[in-house]
Amino acid sequence: MNKYEIIIYWSDEDNSFIAEVPELPGCMADGKTYQEAIASAEIIISEWIKTAKELGREIPCAKGRLLFA
């Protein structure tokens, strides 16, 4: 289960909802609906973690709600 904070917003430029995961640098997804963006983000989080493990990189601990969000 994902415990990382996901920030979702609408992008007129992309004509999509954008889901960013601030604790995982560069981890973001999109979707035509809010639900699609969340589902895509869950997949991308798993892929981000898998890739980091394969490369021997540190995986940040989920901190929950961030103060700046």
PDB file of N, CA and C in Angstrom:
ATOM      1  N   MET A   1       0.834  -1.188   0.000  1.00  0.00           N
ATOM      2  CA  MET A   1       0.000   0.000   0.000  1.00  0.00           C
ATOM      3  C   MET A   1       0.873   1.244   0.000  1.00  0.00           C
ATOM      4  N   ASN A   2       0.522   2.187  -0.821  1.00  0.00           N
ATOM      5  CA  ASN A   2       1.243   3.441  -0.926  1.00  0.00           C
ATOM      6  C   ASN A   2       0.957   4.319   0.279  1.00  0.00           C
ATOM      7  N   LYS A   3       2.006   4.834   0.896  1.00  0.00           N
ATOM      8  CA  LYS A   3       1.836   5.755   2.025  1.00  0.00           C
ATOM      9  C   LYS A   3       2.426   7.119   1.709  1.00  0.00           C
ATOM     10  N   TYR A   4       2.814   7.330   0.461  1.00  0.00           N
ATOM     11  CA  TYR A   4       3.383   8.607   0.059  1.00  0.00           C
ATOM     12  C   TYR A   4       2.279   9.605  -0.266  1.00  0.00           C
ATOM     13  N   GLU A   5       2.533  10.851   0.074  1.00  0.00           N
ATOM     14  CA  GLU A   5       1.578  11.908  -0.246  1.00  0.00           C
ATOM     15  C   GLU A   5       1.523  12.092  -1.768  1.00  0.00           C
ATOM     16  N   ILE A   6       0.311  12.274  -2.274  1.00  0.00           N
ATOM     17  CA  ILE A   6       0.102  12.545  -3.701  1.00  0.00           C
ATOM     18  C   ILE A   6      -0.635  13.870  -3.810  1.00  0.00           C
ATOM     19  N   ILE A   7      -0.075  14.783  -4.573  1.00  0.00           N
ATOM     20  CA  ILE A   7      -0.713  16.075  -4.810  1.00  0.00           C
ATOM     21  C   ILE A   7      -1.301  16.044  -6.208  1.00  0.00           C
ATOM     22  N   ILE A   8      -2.592  16.355  -6.312  1.00  0.00           N
ATOM     23  CA  ILE A   8      -3.279  16.297  -7.603  1.00  0.00           C
ATOM     24  C   ILE A   8      -3.800  17.681  -7.972  1.00  0.00           C
ATOM     25  N   TYR A   9      -3.579  18.047  -9.222  1.00  0.00           N
ATOM     26  CA  TYR A   9      -4.094  19.328  -9.717  1.00  0.00           C
ATOM     27  C   TYR A   9      -4.407  19.197 -11.202  1.00  0.00           C
ATOM     28  N   TRP A  10      -5.234  20.106 -11.684  1.00  0.00           N
ATOM     29  CA  TRP A  10      -5.603  20.144 -13.094  1.00  0.00           C
ATOM     30  C   TRP A  10      -4.584  20.966 -13.866  1.00  0.00           C
ATOM     31  N   SER A  11      -4.176  20.494 -15.036  1.00  0.00           N
ATOM     32  CA  SER A  11      -3.261  21.218 -15.913  1.00  0.00           C
ATOM     33  C   SER A  11      -3.979  21.530 -17.222  1.00  0.00           C
ATOM     34  N   ASP A  12      -4.227  22.825 -17.466  1.00  0.00           N
ATOM     35  CA  ASP A  12      -4.826  23.225 -18.741  1.00  0.00           C
ATOM     36  C   ASP A  12      -3.890  22.896 -19.899  1.00  0.00           C
ATOM     37  N   GLU A  13      -2.592  23.065 -19.658  1.00  0.00           N
ATOM     38  CA  GLU A  13      -1.594  22.808 -20.697  1.00  0.00           C
ATOM     39  C   GLU A  13      -1.639  21.359 -21.166  1.00  0.00           C
ATOM     40  N   ASP A  14      -1.784  20.434 -20.221  1.00  0.00           N
ATOM     41  CA  ASP A  14      -1.800  19.001 -20.543  1.00  0.00           C
ATOM     42  C   ASP A  14      -3.212  18.463 -20.732  1.00  0.00           C
ATOM     43  N   ASN A  15      -4.208  19.275 -20.372  1.00  0.00           N
ATOM     44  CA  ASN A  15      -5.606  18.856 -20.431  1.00  0.00           C
ATOM     45  C   ASN A  15      -5.810  17.550 -19.656  1.00  0.00           C
ATOM     46  N   SER A  16      -5.167  17.496 -18.483  1.00  0.00           N
ATOM     47  CA  SER A  16      -5.196  16.294 -17.650  1.00  0.00           C
ATOM     48  C   SER A  16      -5.030  16.676 -16.188  1.00  0.00           C
ATOM     49  N   PHE A  17      -5.382  15.732 -15.324  1.00  0.00           N
ATOM     50  CA  PHE A  17      -5.045  15.853 -13.914  1.00  0.00           C
ATOM     51  C   PHE A  17      -3.611  15.362 -13.761  1.00  0.00           C
ATOM     52  N   ILE A  18      -2.822  16.078 -12.982  1.00  0.00           N
ATOM     53  CA  ILE A  18      -1.437  15.706 -12.717  1.00  0.00           C
ATOM     54  C   ILE A  18      -1.351  15.250 -11.266  1.00  0.00           C
ATOM     55  N   ALA A  19      -0.700  14.126 -11.034  1.00  0.00           N
ATOM     56  CA  ALA A  19      -0.493  13.592  -9.691  1.00  0.00           C
ATOM     57  C   ALA A  19       1.004  13.560  -9.420  1.00  0.00           C
ATOM     58  N   GLU A  20       1.451  14.386  -8.481  1.00  0.00           N
ATOM     59  CA  GLU A  20       2.861  14.452  -8.125  1.00  0.00           C
ATOM     60  C   GLU A  20       3.095  13.792  -6.767  1.00  0.00           C
ATOM     61  N   VAL A  21       4.249  13.139  -6.640  1.00  0.00           N
ATOM     62  CA  VAL A  21       4.637  12.499  -5.381  1.00  0.00           C
ATOM     63  C   VAL A  21       5.908  13.219  -4.916  1.00  0.00           C
ATOM     64  N   PRO A  22       5.755  14.263  -4.088  1.00  0.00           N
ATOM     65  CA  PRO A  22       6.892  15.114  -3.740  1.00  0.00           C
ATOM     66  C   PRO A  22       8.045  14.393  -3.043  1.00  0.00           C
ATOM     67  N   GLU A  23       7.773  13.329  -2.325  1.00  0.00           N
ATOM     68  CA  GLU A  23       8.830  12.627  -1.595  1.00  0.00           C
ATOM     69  C   GLU A  23       9.693  11.741  -2.494  1.00  0.00           C
ATOM     70  N   LEU A  24       9.233  11.479  -3.713  1.00  0.00           N
ATOM     71  CA  LEU A  24       9.984  10.670  -4.669  1.00  0.00           C
ATOM     72  C   LEU A  24      10.331  11.560  -5.862  1.00  0.00           C
ATOM     73  N   PRO A  25      11.539  12.099  -5.907  1.00  0.00           N
ATOM     74  CA  PRO A  25      11.908  13.055  -6.948  1.00  0.00           C
ATOM     75  C   PRO A  25      11.588  12.571  -8.368  1.00  0.00           C
ATOM     76  N   GLY A  26      10.880  13.424  -9.097  1.00  0.00           N
ATOM     77  CA  GLY A  26      10.537  13.120 -10.483  1.00  0.00           C
ATOM     78  C   GLY A  26       9.367  12.174 -10.650  1.00  0.00           C
ATOM     79  N   CYS A  27       8.757  11.748  -9.566  1.00  0.00           N
ATOM     80  CA  CYS A  27       7.654  10.786  -9.635  1.00  0.00           C
ATOM     81  C   CYS A  27       6.340  11.528  -9.822  1.00  0.00           C
ATOM     82  N   MET A  28       5.770  11.370 -10.995  1.00  0.00           N
ATOM     83  CA  MET A  28       4.483  11.993 -11.291  1.00  0.00           C
ATOM     84  C   MET A  28       3.764  11.209 -12.377  1.00  0.00           C
ATOM     85  N   ALA A  29       2.455  11.390 -12.421  1.00  0.00           N
ATOM     86  CA  ALA A  29       1.623  10.695 -13.402  1.00  0.00           C
ATOM     87  C   ALA A  29       0.498  11.633 -13.803  1.00  0.00           C
ATOM     88  N   ASP A  30      -0.286  11.198 -14.782  1.00  0.00           N
ATOM     89  CA  ASP A  30      -1.421  12.015 -15.191  1.00  0.00           C
ATOM     90  C   ASP A  30      -2.599  11.131 -15.542  1.00  0.00           C
ATOM     91  N   GLY A  31      -3.733  11.770 -15.767  1.00  0.00           N
ATOM     92  CA  GLY A  31      -4.934  11.043 -16.152  1.00  0.00           C
ATOM     93  C   GLY A  31      -6.010  12.010 -16.597  1.00  0.00           C
ATOM     94  N   LYS A  32      -6.887  11.546 -17.436  1.00  0.00           N
ATOM     95  CA  LYS A  32      -7.991  12.388 -17.921  1.00  0.00           C
ATOM     96  C   LYS A  32      -9.018  12.657 -16.823  1.00  0.00           C
ATOM     97  N   THR A  33      -9.057  11.769 -15.814  1.00  0.00           N
ATOM     98  CA  THR A  33      -9.931  11.982 -14.670  1.00  0.00           C
ATOM     99  C   THR A  33      -9.072  11.937 -13.404  1.00  0.00           C
ATOM    100  N   TYR A  34      -9.649  12.425 -12.318  1.00  0.00           N
ATOM    101  CA  TYR A  34      -8.990  12.384 -11.016  1.00  0.00           C
ATOM    102  C   TYR A  34      -8.629  10.946 -10.663  1.00  0.00           C
ATOM    103  N   GLN A  35      -9.567  10.038 -10.872  1.00  0.00           N
ATOM    104  CA  GLN A  35      -9.362   8.634 -10.534  1.00  0.00           C
ATOM    105  C   GLN A  35      -8.250   8.006 -11.383  1.00  0.00           C
ATOM    106  N   GLU A  36      -8.207   8.359 -12.667  1.00  0.00           N
ATOM    107  CA  GLU A  36      -7.145   7.843 -13.537  1.00  0.00           C
ATOM    108  C   GLU A  36      -5.778   8.334 -13.072  1.00  0.00           C
ATOM    109  N   ALA A  37      -5.707   9.594 -12.647  1.00  0.00           N
ATOM    110  CA  ALA A  37      -4.434  10.148 -12.178  1.00  0.00           C
ATOM    111  C   ALA A  37      -3.956   9.413 -10.926  1.00  0.00           C
ATOM    112  N   ILE A  38      -4.872   9.129 -10.002  1.00  0.00           N
ATOM    113  CA  ILE A  38      -4.518   8.387  -8.785  1.00  0.00           C
ATOM    114  C   ILE A  38      -4.044   6.977  -9.134  1.00  0.00           C
ATOM    115  N   ALA A  39      -4.790   6.288  -9.997  1.00  0.00           N
ATOM    116  CA  ALA A  39      -4.424   4.926 -10.390  1.00  0.00           C
ATOM    117  C   ALA A  39      -3.052   4.911 -11.064  1.00  0.00           C
ATOM    118  N   SER A  40      -2.803   5.874 -11.939  1.00  0.00           N
ATOM    119  CA  SER A  40      -1.508   5.959 -12.614  1.00  0.00           C
ATOM    120  C   SER A  40      -0.396   6.252 -11.615  1.00  0.00           C
ATOM    121  N   ALA A  41      -0.671   7.122 -10.645  1.00  0.00           N
ATOM    122  CA  ALA A  41       0.332   7.455  -9.638  1.00  0.00           C
ATOM    123  C   ALA A  41       0.708   6.227  -8.816  1.00  0.00           C
ATOM    124  N   GLU A  42      -0.263   5.401  -8.474  1.00  0.00           N
ATOM    125  CA  GLU A  42       0.024   4.182  -7.712  1.00  0.00           C
ATOM    126  C   GLU A  42       0.975   3.265  -8.487  1.00  0.00           C
ATOM    127  N   ILE A  43       0.755   3.147  -9.778  1.00  0.00           N
ATOM    128  CA  ILE A  43       1.623   2.323 -10.628  1.00  0.00           C
ATOM    129  C   ILE A  43       3.022   2.928 -10.696  1.00  0.00           C
ATOM    130  N   ILE A  44       3.086   4.236 -10.908  1.00  0.00           N
ATOM    131  CA  ILE A  44       4.372   4.921 -11.057  1.00  0.00           C
ATOM    132  C   ILE A  44       5.174   4.874  -9.757  1.00  0.00           C
ATOM    133  N   ILE A  45       4.497   4.975  -8.611  1.00  0.00           N
ATOM    134  CA  ILE A  45       5.192   4.861  -7.324  1.00  0.00           C
ATOM    135  C   ILE A  45       5.859   3.489  -7.220  1.00  0.00           C
ATOM    136  N   SER A  46       5.137   2.449  -7.553  1.00  0.00           N
ATOM    137  CA  SER A  46       5.706   1.092  -7.513  1.00  0.00           C
ATOM    138  C   SER A  46       6.895   0.959  -8.449  1.00  0.00           C
ATOM    139  N   GLU A  47       6.767   1.507  -9.652  1.00  0.00           N
ATOM    140  CA  GLU A  47       7.863   1.451 -10.625  1.00  0.00           C
ATOM    141  C   GLU A  47       9.061   2.262 -10.151  1.00  0.00           C
ATOM    142  N   TRP A  48       8.815   3.435  -9.550  1.00  0.00           N
ATOM    143  CA  TRP A  48       9.885   4.285  -9.037  1.00  0.00           C
ATOM    144  C   TRP A  48      10.677   3.515  -7.990  1.00  0.00           C
ATOM    145  N   ILE A  49       9.972   2.896  -7.049  1.00  0.00           N
ATOM    146  CA  ILE A  49      10.617   2.140  -5.967  1.00  0.00           C
ATOM    147  C   ILE A  49      11.380   0.937  -6.526  1.00  0.00           C
ATOM    148  N   LYS A  50      10.778   0.220  -7.450  1.00  0.00           N
ATOM    149  CA  LYS A  50      11.435  -0.939  -8.068  1.00  0.00           C
ATOM    150  C   LYS A  50      12.739  -0.523  -8.756  1.00  0.00           C
ATOM    151  N   THR A  51      12.685   0.553  -9.513  1.00  0.00           N
ATOM    152  CA  THR A  51      13.871   1.043 -10.226  1.00  0.00           C
ATOM    153  C   THR A  51      14.946   1.492  -9.251  1.00  0.00           C
ATOM    154  N   ALA A  52      14.546   2.209  -8.200  1.00  0.00           N
ATOM    155  CA  ALA A  52      15.511   2.665  -7.199  1.00  0.00           C
ATOM    156  C   ALA A  52      16.210   1.479  -6.551  1.00  0.00           C
ATOM    157  N   LYS A  53      15.468   0.422  -6.235  1.00  0.00           N
ATOM    158  CA  LYS A  53      16.064  -0.779  -5.641  1.00  0.00           C
ATOM    159  C   LYS A  53      17.064  -1.413  -6.608  1.00  0.00           C
ATOM    160  N   GLU A  54      16.678  -1.514  -7.876  1.00  0.00           N
ATOM    161  CA  GLU A  54      17.558  -2.124  -8.881  1.00  0.00           C
ATOM    162  C   GLU A  54      18.856  -1.338  -9.041  1.00  0.00           C
ATOM    163  N   LEU A  55      18.772  -0.017  -8.891  1.00  0.00           N
ATOM    164  CA  LEU A  55      19.948   0.838  -9.045  1.00  0.00           C
ATOM    165  C   LEU A  55      20.713   1.029  -7.746  1.00  0.00           C
ATOM    166  N   GLY A  56      20.203   0.443  -6.661  1.00  0.00           N
ATOM    167  CA  GLY A  56      20.863   0.578  -5.366  1.00  0.00           C
ATOM    168  C   GLY A  56      20.717   1.951  -4.751  1.00  0.00           C
ATOM    169  N   ARG A  57      19.682   2.671  -5.132  1.00  0.00           N
ATOM    170  CA  ARG A  57      19.451   4.013  -4.595  1.00  0.00           C
ATOM    171  C   ARG A  57      18.587   3.966  -3.342  1.00  0.00           C
ATOM    172  N   GLU A  58      18.751   4.976  -2.529  1.00  0.00           N
ATOM    173  CA  GLU A  58      17.980   5.080  -1.293  1.00  0.00           C
ATOM    174  C   GLU A  58      16.514   5.383  -1.613  1.00  0.00           C
ATOM    175  N   ILE A  59      15.628   4.730  -0.891  1.00  0.00           N
ATOM    176  CA  ILE A  59      14.197   4.964  -1.054  1.00  0.00           C
ATOM    177  C   ILE A  59      13.724   5.752   0.166  1.00  0.00           C
ATOM    178  N   PRO A  60      13.240   6.978  -0.054  1.00  0.00           N
ATOM    179  CA  PRO A  60      12.793   7.795   1.074  1.00  0.00           C
ATOM    180  C   PRO A  60      11.642   7.134   1.829  1.00  0.00           C
ATOM    181  N   CYS A  61      11.648   7.291   3.145  1.00  0.00           N
ATOM    182  CA  CYS A  61      10.530   6.813   3.964  1.00  0.00           C
ATOM    183  C   CYS A  61       9.358   7.766   3.755  1.00  0.00           C
ATOM    184  N   ALA A  62       8.178   7.205   3.711  1.00  0.00           N
ATOM    185  CA  ALA A  62       6.980   8.041   3.586  1.00  0.00           C
ATOM    186  C   ALA A  62       6.794   8.835   4.872  1.00  0.00           C
ATOM    187  N   LYS A  63       6.609  10.136   4.736  1.00  0.00           N
ATOM    188  CA  LYS A  63       6.460  10.993   5.904  1.00  0.00           C
ATOM    189  C   LYS A  63       5.000  11.364   6.163  1.00  0.00           C
ATOM    190  N   GLY A  64       4.129  10.953   5.258  1.00  0.00           N
ATOM    191  CA  GLY A  64       2.726  11.347   5.417  1.00  0.00           C
ATOM    192  C   GLY A  64       2.518  12.766   4.922  1.00  0.00           C
ATOM    193  N   ARG A  65       1.605  13.452   5.537  1.00  0.00           N
ATOM    194  CA  ARG A  65       1.257  14.804   5.092  1.00  0.00           C
ATOM    195  C   ARG A  65       2.453  15.742   5.261  1.00  0.00           C
ATOM    196  N   LEU A  66       2.800  16.424   4.188  1.00  0.00           N
ATOM    197  CA  LEU A  66       3.908  17.371   4.222  1.00  0.00           C
ATOM    198  C   LEU A  66       3.380  18.755   4.580  1.00  0.00           C
ATOM    199  N   LEU A  67       4.206  19.543   5.217  1.00  0.00           N
ATOM    200  CA  LEU A  67       3.788  20.856   5.687  1.00  0.00           C
ATOM    201  C   LEU A  67       3.511  21.838   4.573  1.00  0.00           C
ATOM    202  N   PHE A  68       4.214  21.723   3.440  1.00  0.00           N
ATOM    203  CA  PHE A  68       4.056  22.708   2.384  1.00  0.00           C
ATOM    204  C   PHE A  68       2.929  22.384   1.427  1.00  0.00           C
ATOM    205  N   ALA A  69       2.321  21.242   1.584  1.00  0.00           N
ATOM    206  CA  ALA A  69       1.270  20.835   0.652  1.00  0.00           C
ATOM    207  C   ALA A  69      -0.077  21.385   1.070  1.00  0.00           C
TER     208      ALA A  69
END
